[in-house]
Amino acid sequence: MLFCRLRRLYWWCLGLALAAHLALIAGLTAATGGEEIGVAPPAKVKFFTWRDPLLAKPLELRKVPQPRWQLVRRQV
């Protein structure tokens, strides 16, 4: 019996929510007059081509040597 009441309450709430949403959509459509909003034109895109690199030889990546830290003992 409890599930029957809960199921009935579920369907009533679902119908009420659906009616509220439809009324809200209809009210907003009527308030705006149904006119279409103008869309901004797309941004102008400038196409370019890649130019050849001006390097005489290929890019060379080398590791930079890091100075090594020496362990210093403190005299107490």
Protein backbone atom coordinates (compact mmCIF):
# COMPACT_ATOMS: atom_id res chain seq x y z
CA MET A 1 0.00 0.00 0.00
CA LEU A 2 2.88 2.34 0.81
CA PHE A 3 4.48 1.84 -2.60
CA CYS A 4 1.18 2.54 -4.34
CA ARG A 5 0.93 5.93 -2.58
CA LEU A 6 4.57 6.72 -3.30
CA ARG A 7 4.16 5.81 -6.96
CA ARG A 8 1.09 8.02 -7.24
CA LEU A 9 2.93 10.90 -5.52
CA TYR A 10 5.90 10.40 -7.89
CA TRP A 11 3.70 10.71 -10.99
CA TRP A 12 1.88 13.77 -9.61
CA CYS A 13 5.20 15.51 -8.87
CA LEU A 14 6.57 14.60 -12.30
CA GLY A 15 3.46 15.99 -14.01
CA LEU A 16 3.60 19.16 -11.93
CA ALA A 17 7.29 19.70 -12.74
CA LEU A 18 6.65 19.11 -16.44
CA ALA A 19 3.75 21.57 -16.45
CA ALA A 20 5.86 24.19 -14.64
CA HIS A 21 8.68 23.82 -17.17
CA LEU A 22 6.34 24.07 -20.13
CA ALA A 23 4.67 27.17 -18.64
CA LEU A 24 8.08 28.75 -18.04
CA ILE A 25 9.22 28.08 -21.62
CA ALA A 26 5.93 29.38 -23.04
CA GLY A 27 6.11 32.51 -20.85
CA LEU A 28 9.67 33.28 -21.86
CA THR A 29 8.88 32.77 -25.53
CA ALA A 30 5.87 35.09 -25.29
CA ALA A 31 7.84 37.73 -23.33
CA THR A 32 10.66 37.92 -25.86
CA GLY A 33 8.20 38.12 -28.73
CA GLY A 34 9.71 35.08 -30.45
CA GLU A 35 12.20 37.20 -32.35
CA GLU A 36 15.44 35.58 -33.29
CA ILE A 37 18.60 36.94 -31.79
CA GLY A 38 21.19 38.02 -34.36
CA VAL A 39 24.34 35.99 -34.41
CA ALA A 40 27.68 37.77 -34.54
CA PRO A 41 29.71 37.13 -37.69
CA PRO A 42 32.64 34.75 -37.26
CA ALA A 43 36.05 36.20 -36.55
CA LYS A 44 38.20 36.85 -39.59
CA VAL A 45 40.93 34.29 -39.86
CA LYS A 46 44.18 35.05 -41.59
CA PHE A 47 45.80 31.97 -43.06
CA PHE A 48 49.56 31.88 -43.26
CA THR A 49 52.17 29.43 -44.43
CA TRP A 50 55.18 28.32 -42.49
CA ARG A 51 58.46 29.67 -43.72
CA ASP A 52 61.68 27.74 -43.62
CA PRO A 53 63.76 28.23 -40.47
CA LEU A 54 66.79 30.46 -40.80
CA LEU A 55 69.13 28.12 -38.92
CA ALA A 56 72.30 27.11 -40.70
CA LYS A 57 72.37 23.74 -38.95
CA PRO A 58 69.72 21.75 -37.12
CA LEU A 59 68.78 22.78 -33.62
CA GLU A 60 71.10 21.19 -31.13
CA LEU A 61 70.09 20.52 -27.55
CA ARG A 62 72.85 19.82 -25.07
CA LYS A 63 72.77 19.30 -21.35
CA VAL A 64 74.27 22.11 -19.36
CA PRO A 65 76.60 20.71 -16.71
CA GLN A 66 75.35 21.39 -13.19
CA PRO A 67 77.85 22.29 -10.48
CA ARG A 68 78.21 19.53 -7.90
CA TRP A 69 77.73 20.39 -4.28
CA GLN A 70 80.42 19.34 -1.87
CA LEU A 71 79.54 17.99 1.53
CA VAL A 72 80.77 20.42 4.18
CA ARG A 73 81.23 19.21 7.71
CA ARG A 74 80.62 21.66 10.46
CA GLN A 75 82.87 21.72 13.49
CA VAL A 76 80.90 21.96 16.71
